[in-house]
Amino acid sequence: LLFEDRKLADIGNTVKHQSASISEWADLLTVHGLPGPGLLQGVKDGCMSTGKTLGVLLVAEMSNAGNLFTSEFTQAVVNMGEKEEWAHTLSGFIAQSRVSQKPGMLQLTPGVHMAEASDKGDQRYTSPHQAVTEKGADLVIVGRGICADDSPGLKAEEYRQEAWKAYISTIQE
């Protein structure tokens, strides 16, 4: 699957045109909930215009310090995303914790790093083990932990193994 981490956050008509283009090559797309349901309708309409599909991942929480997400905002985003009208559009949530109990909703946890707790700026990290076993991640999102490594392919495999080992520990309990 190809995952476009674009984090779209605009009015429905603008998102319609953006998602139509992205649907030509991507399988998953991140969007922010701030614009409301018009954004999700824009993705749906954009995909209908191309005959393609995109699984939408709705950003419900972020991993950086000082972000403006509140628990009330997160819950409002989850409530919007879980509505039946988006059942064939929404694939899950980007979050630091299990925000949805709805069957079939994926949780992707960003800010995963094996060696650091934070960067020199506002990024806060969690380990693959914590993301899966404590935060409920179905999938982990790793950026700099792989990209900044001298051997990114080997490092990606190391992250894959760590996340898989954590997952196995949750089903053996």
C-alpha atoms as a PDB file:
ATOM      1  CA  LEU A   1       0.000   0.000   0.000  1.00  0.00           C
ATOM      2  CA  LEU A   2       1.187   3.522  -0.765  1.00  0.00           C
ATOM      3  CA  PHE A   3       0.446   6.016   1.985  1.00  0.00           C
ATOM      4  CA  GLU A   4       0.363   9.739   1.123  1.00  0.00           C
ATOM      5  CA  ASP A   5       0.999  11.553   4.393  1.00  0.00           C
ATOM      6  CA  ARG A   6      -0.262  14.881   3.023  1.00  0.00           C
ATOM      7  CA  LYS A   7      -2.434  15.835   6.031  1.00  0.00           C
ATOM      8  CA  LEU A   8      -4.929  17.768   3.926  1.00  0.00           C
ATOM      9  CA  ALA A   9      -6.939  20.410   5.794  1.00  0.00           C
ATOM     10  CA  ASP A  10      -9.049  22.560   3.489  1.00  0.00           C
ATOM     11  CA  ILE A  11     -12.570  23.078   2.232  1.00  0.00           C
ATOM     12  CA  GLY A  12     -14.295  20.196   0.483  1.00  0.00           C
ATOM     13  CA  ASN A  13     -13.974  21.521  -3.078  1.00  0.00           C
ATOM     14  CA  THR A  14     -10.208  22.058  -2.754  1.00  0.00           C
ATOM     15  CA  VAL A  15      -9.769  18.618  -1.185  1.00  0.00           C
ATOM     16  CA  LYS A  16     -11.876  17.113  -3.969  1.00  0.00           C
ATOM     17  CA  HIS A  17      -9.331  18.236  -6.578  1.00  0.00           C
ATOM     18  CA  GLN A  18      -6.329  17.286  -4.442  1.00  0.00           C
ATOM     19  CA  SER A  19      -7.661  13.818  -3.643  1.00  0.00           C
ATOM     20  CA  ALA A  20      -8.636  13.127  -7.261  1.00  0.00           C
ATOM     21  CA  SER A  21      -4.998  13.581  -8.231  1.00  0.00           C
ATOM     22  CA  ILE A  22      -3.645  11.647  -5.245  1.00  0.00           C
ATOM     23  CA  SER A  23      -6.078   8.749  -5.850  1.00  0.00           C
ATOM     24  CA  GLU A  24      -4.331   8.054  -9.149  1.00  0.00           C
ATOM     25  CA  TRP A  25      -1.317   6.623  -7.322  1.00  0.00           C
ATOM     26  CA  ALA A  26      -1.917   6.352  -3.549  1.00  0.00           C
ATOM     27  CA  ASP A  27      -3.983   3.927  -1.488  1.00  0.00           C
ATOM     28  CA  LEU A  28      -4.164   5.845   1.792  1.00  0.00           C
ATOM     29  CA  LEU A  29      -4.324   9.574   2.518  1.00  0.00           C
ATOM     30  CA  THR A  30      -4.036  11.512   5.777  1.00  0.00           C
ATOM     31  CA  VAL A  31      -6.389  14.422   6.418  1.00  0.00           C
ATOM     32  CA  HIS A  32      -7.101  16.697   9.377  1.00  0.00           C
ATOM     33  CA  GLY A  33     -10.568  16.830  10.887  1.00  0.00           C
ATOM     34  CA  LEU A  34     -10.517  20.566  11.554  1.00  0.00           C
ATOM     35  CA  PRO A  35     -12.444  21.527   8.367  1.00  0.00           C
ATOM     36  CA  GLY A  36     -15.254  19.151   9.331  1.00  0.00           C
ATOM     37  CA  PRO A  37     -17.245  16.639   7.274  1.00  0.00           C
ATOM     38  CA  GLY A  38     -16.990  18.728   4.084  1.00  0.00           C
ATOM     39  CA  LEU A  39     -13.371  17.609   3.823  1.00  0.00           C
ATOM     40  CA  LEU A  40     -14.373  13.930   3.950  1.00  0.00           C
ATOM     41  CA  GLN A  41     -17.069  14.587   1.352  1.00  0.00           C
ATOM     42  CA  GLY A  42     -14.404  16.249  -0.800  1.00  0.00           C
ATOM     43  CA  VAL A  43     -12.228  13.132  -0.672  1.00  0.00           C
ATOM     44  CA  LYS A  44     -15.227  10.950  -1.489  1.00  0.00           C
ATOM     45  CA  ASP A  45     -16.223  13.186  -4.433  1.00  0.00           C
ATOM     46  CA  GLY A  46     -12.654  13.398  -5.714  1.00  0.00           C
ATOM     47  CA  CYS A  47     -12.386   9.634  -5.777  1.00  0.00           C
ATOM     48  CA  MET A  48     -15.760   9.266  -7.494  1.00  0.00           C
ATOM     49  CA  SER A  49     -14.547  11.570 -10.265  1.00  0.00           C
ATOM     50  CA  THR A  50     -11.606   9.259 -11.016  1.00  0.00           C
ATOM     51  CA  GLY A  51     -13.241   5.917 -10.274  1.00  0.00           C
ATOM     52  CA  LYS A  52     -10.437   5.210  -7.786  1.00  0.00           C
ATOM     53  CA  THR A  53     -10.567   4.758  -4.040  1.00  0.00           C
ATOM     54  CA  LEU A  54      -8.535   6.168  -1.184  1.00  0.00           C
ATOM     55  CA  GLY A  55      -8.603   4.987   2.382  1.00  0.00           C
ATOM     56  CA  VAL A  56      -8.707   8.084   4.560  1.00  0.00           C
ATOM     57  CA  LEU A  57      -6.700   8.277   7.762  1.00  0.00           C
ATOM     58  CA  LEU A  58      -8.050  11.034   9.972  1.00  0.00           C
ATOM     59  CA  VAL A  59      -5.549  12.819  12.224  1.00  0.00           C
ATOM     60  CA  ALA A  60      -7.027  12.705  15.731  1.00  0.00           C
ATOM     61  CA  GLU A  61      -3.859  13.285  17.784  1.00  0.00           C
ATOM     62  CA  MET A  62      -0.311  14.418  17.050  1.00  0.00           C
ATOM     63  CA  SER A  63       3.051  13.458  18.546  1.00  0.00           C
ATOM     64  CA  ASN A  64       4.563  16.915  18.937  1.00  0.00           C
ATOM     65  CA  ALA A  65       4.717  18.930  22.144  1.00  0.00           C
ATOM     66  CA  GLY A  66       2.586  22.050  22.240  1.00  0.00           C
ATOM     67  CA  ASN A  67       0.042  20.954  19.647  1.00  0.00           C
ATOM     68  CA  LEU A  68      -3.419  22.430  20.058  1.00  0.00           C
ATOM     69  CA  PHE A  69      -5.354  19.173  20.032  1.00  0.00           C
ATOM     70  CA  THR A  70      -7.604  18.796  23.075  1.00  0.00           C
ATOM     71  CA  SER A  71      -9.402  15.690  24.252  1.00  0.00           C
ATOM     72  CA  GLU A  72     -12.669  17.340  23.204  1.00  0.00           C
ATOM     73  CA  PHE A  73     -11.343  18.014  19.694  1.00  0.00           C
ATOM     74  CA  THR A  74     -10.015  14.455  19.400  1.00  0.00           C
ATOM     75  CA  GLN A  75     -13.396  13.040  20.436  1.00  0.00           C
ATOM     76  CA  ALA A  76     -15.198  15.303  17.945  1.00  0.00           C
ATOM     77  CA  VAL A  77     -12.886  14.091  15.154  1.00  0.00           C
ATOM     78  CA  VAL A  78     -13.496  10.453  16.121  1.00  0.00           C
ATOM     79  CA  ASN A  79     -17.269  10.980  16.320  1.00  0.00           C
ATOM     80  CA  MET A  80     -17.255  12.580  12.866  1.00  0.00           C
ATOM     81  CA  GLY A  81     -15.136   9.795  11.373  1.00  0.00           C
ATOM     82  CA  GLU A  82     -17.185   6.979  12.858  1.00  0.00           C
ATOM     83  CA  LYS A  83     -20.438   8.129  11.235  1.00  0.00           C
ATOM     84  CA  GLU A  84     -21.930   5.538   8.906  1.00  0.00           C
ATOM     85  CA  GLU A  85     -21.786   7.882   5.893  1.00  0.00           C
ATOM     86  CA  TRP A  86     -17.970   7.591   5.930  1.00  0.00           C
ATOM     87  CA  ALA A  87     -17.870   3.790   6.319  1.00  0.00           C
ATOM     88  CA  HIS A  88     -16.464   3.312   2.805  1.00  0.00           C
ATOM     89  CA  THR A  89     -14.161   6.336   3.023  1.00  0.00           C
ATOM     90  CA  LEU A  90     -12.477   6.234   6.418  1.00  0.00           C
ATOM     91  CA  SER A  91      -9.891   3.531   7.100  1.00  0.00           C
ATOM     92  CA  GLY A  92      -8.790   4.733  10.522  1.00  0.00           C
ATOM     93  CA  PHE A  93      -7.117   7.327  12.682  1.00  0.00           C
ATOM     94  CA  ILE A  94      -3.670   8.767  13.230  1.00  0.00           C
ATOM     95  CA  ALA A  95      -3.371   8.958  17.014  1.00  0.00           C
ATOM     96  CA  GLN A  96      -1.174   8.543  20.061  1.00  0.00           C
ATOM     97  CA  SER A  97      -3.719   6.266  21.714  1.00  0.00           C
ATOM     98  CA  ARG A  98      -6.571   3.944  20.748  1.00  0.00           C
ATOM     99  CA  VAL A  99      -9.220   6.579  19.992  1.00  0.00           C
ATOM    100  CA  SER A 100     -11.804   4.388  18.275  1.00  0.00           C
ATOM    101  CA  GLN A 101     -13.297   1.096  19.345  1.00  0.00           C
ATOM    102  CA  LYS A 102     -15.226   0.735  16.091  1.00  0.00           C
ATOM    103  CA  PRO A 103     -14.374  -2.596  14.440  1.00  0.00           C
ATOM    104  CA  GLY A 104     -12.241  -2.262  11.339  1.00  0.00           C
ATOM    105  CA  MET A 105     -10.803   1.162  12.183  1.00  0.00           C
ATOM    106  CA  LEU A 106      -7.022   1.145  11.971  1.00  0.00           C
ATOM    107  CA  GLN A 107      -4.887   3.102  14.400  1.00  0.00           C
ATOM    108  CA  LEU A 108      -1.591   4.374  13.088  1.00  0.00           C
ATOM    109  CA  THR A 109       0.736   5.837  15.698  1.00  0.00           C
ATOM    110  CA  PRO A 110       3.275   8.440  14.541  1.00  0.00           C
ATOM    111  CA  GLY A 111       6.408   9.619  16.300  1.00  0.00           C
ATOM    112  CA  VAL A 112       7.980   6.189  16.667  1.00  0.00           C
ATOM    113  CA  HIS A 113      11.737   6.017  17.281  1.00  0.00           C
ATOM    114  CA  MET A 114      13.868   3.333  18.898  1.00  0.00           C
ATOM    115  CA  ALA A 115      16.761   5.479  20.120  1.00  0.00           C
ATOM    116  CA  GLU A 116      15.351   8.879  21.037  1.00  0.00           C
ATOM    117  CA  ALA A 117      12.670  10.220  23.397  1.00  0.00           C
ATOM    118  CA  SER A 118      12.496  13.540  21.536  1.00  0.00           C
ATOM    119  CA  ASP A 119      14.302  15.607  18.949  1.00  0.00           C
ATOM    120  CA  LYS A 120      15.884  18.995  19.594  1.00  0.00           C
ATOM    121  CA  GLY A 121      12.554  20.624  18.710  1.00  0.00           C
ATOM    122  CA  ASP A 122       8.975  19.714  19.575  1.00  0.00           C
ATOM    123  CA  GLN A 123       8.817  16.071  18.444  1.00  0.00           C
ATOM    124  CA  ARG A 124       8.137  13.470  21.144  1.00  0.00           C
ATOM    125  CA  TYR A 125       8.904   9.850  20.361  1.00  0.00           C
ATOM    126  CA  THR A 126       7.622   6.513  21.557  1.00  0.00           C
ATOM    127  CA  SER A 127       9.186   3.099  20.950  1.00  0.00           C
ATOM    128  CA  PRO A 128       7.631   0.516  18.618  1.00  0.00           C
ATOM    129  CA  HIS A 129       6.924  -1.640  21.677  1.00  0.00           C
ATOM    130  CA  GLN A 130       5.114   1.189  23.523  1.00  0.00           C
ATOM    131  CA  ALA A 131       3.187   2.203  20.400  1.00  0.00           C
ATOM    132  CA  VAL A 132       1.807  -1.303  19.918  1.00  0.00           C
ATOM    133  CA  THR A 133       1.429  -2.635  23.462  1.00  0.00           C
ATOM    134  CA  GLU A 134       0.530   0.527  25.390  1.00  0.00           C
ATOM    135  CA  LYS A 135      -0.958   2.865  22.799  1.00  0.00           C
ATOM    136  CA  GLY A 136      -2.869   0.274  20.764  1.00  0.00           C
ATOM    137  CA  ALA A 137      -1.238   0.902  17.389  1.00  0.00           C
ATOM    138  CA  ASP A 138      -2.101  -1.394  14.513  1.00  0.00           C
ATOM    139  CA  LEU A 139       0.685   0.224  12.489  1.00  0.00           C
ATOM    140  CA  VAL A 140       3.596   2.434  13.519  1.00  0.00           C
ATOM    141  CA  ILE A 141       4.766   5.483  11.604  1.00  0.00           C
ATOM    142  CA  VAL A 142       8.529   5.968  11.578  1.00  0.00           C
ATOM    143  CA  GLY A 143      10.216   8.892   9.850  1.00  0.00           C
ATOM    144  CA  ARG A 144      13.631  10.081  10.955  1.00  0.00           C
ATOM    145  CA  GLY A 145      14.433   6.845  12.772  1.00  0.00           C
ATOM    146  CA  ILE A 146      14.727   5.249   9.334  1.00  0.00           C
ATOM    147  CA  CYS A 147      15.451   8.152   6.993  1.00  0.00           C
ATOM    148  CA  ALA A 148      18.310   9.577   9.066  1.00  0.00           C
ATOM    149  CA  ASP A 149      20.046   6.208   9.403  1.00  0.00           C
ATOM    150  CA  ASP A 150      23.088   5.364   7.283  1.00  0.00           C
ATOM    151  CA  SER A 151      21.406   2.077   6.287  1.00  0.00           C
ATOM    152  CA  PRO A 152      17.702   2.904   5.993  1.00  0.00           C
ATOM    153  CA  GLY A 153      16.719  -0.468   4.521  1.00  0.00           C
ATOM    154  CA  LEU A 154      18.306  -2.357   7.396  1.00  0.00           C
ATOM    155  CA  LYS A 155      16.886   0.073   9.931  1.00  0.00           C
ATOM    156  CA  ALA A 156      13.378  -0.285   8.452  1.00  0.00           C
ATOM    157  CA  GLU A 157      13.655  -4.049   8.882  1.00  0.00           C
ATOM    158  CA  GLU A 158      14.729  -3.547  12.499  1.00  0.00           C
ATOM    159  CA  TYR A 159      11.632  -1.403  13.143  1.00  0.00           C
ATOM    160  CA  ARG A 160       9.434  -3.974  11.407  1.00  0.00           C
ATOM    161  CA  GLN A 161      10.789  -6.757  13.602  1.00  0.00           C
ATOM    162  CA  GLU A 162      10.393  -4.718  16.809  1.00  0.00           C
ATOM    163  CA  ALA A 163       6.803  -3.770  15.997  1.00  0.00           C
ATOM    164  CA  TRP A 164       5.965  -7.354  15.017  1.00  0.00           C
ATOM    165  CA  LYS A 165       7.501  -8.718  18.227  1.00  0.00           C
ATOM    166  CA  ALA A 166       5.368  -6.252  20.200  1.00  0.00           C
ATOM    167  CA  TYR A 167       2.249  -7.313  18.300  1.00  0.00           C
ATOM    168  CA  ILE A 168       2.939 -11.011  18.942  1.00  0.00           C
ATOM    169  CA  SER A 169       3.273 -10.249  22.660  1.00  0.00           C
ATOM    170  CA  THR A 170      -0.245  -8.734  22.671  1.00  0.00           C
ATOM    171  CA  ILE A 171      -1.891 -11.811  21.158  1.00  0.00           C
ATOM    172  CA  GLN A 172      -0.054 -14.267  23.397  1.00  0.00           C
ATOM    173  CA  GLU A 173      -1.288 -12.670  26.615  1.00  0.00           C
END
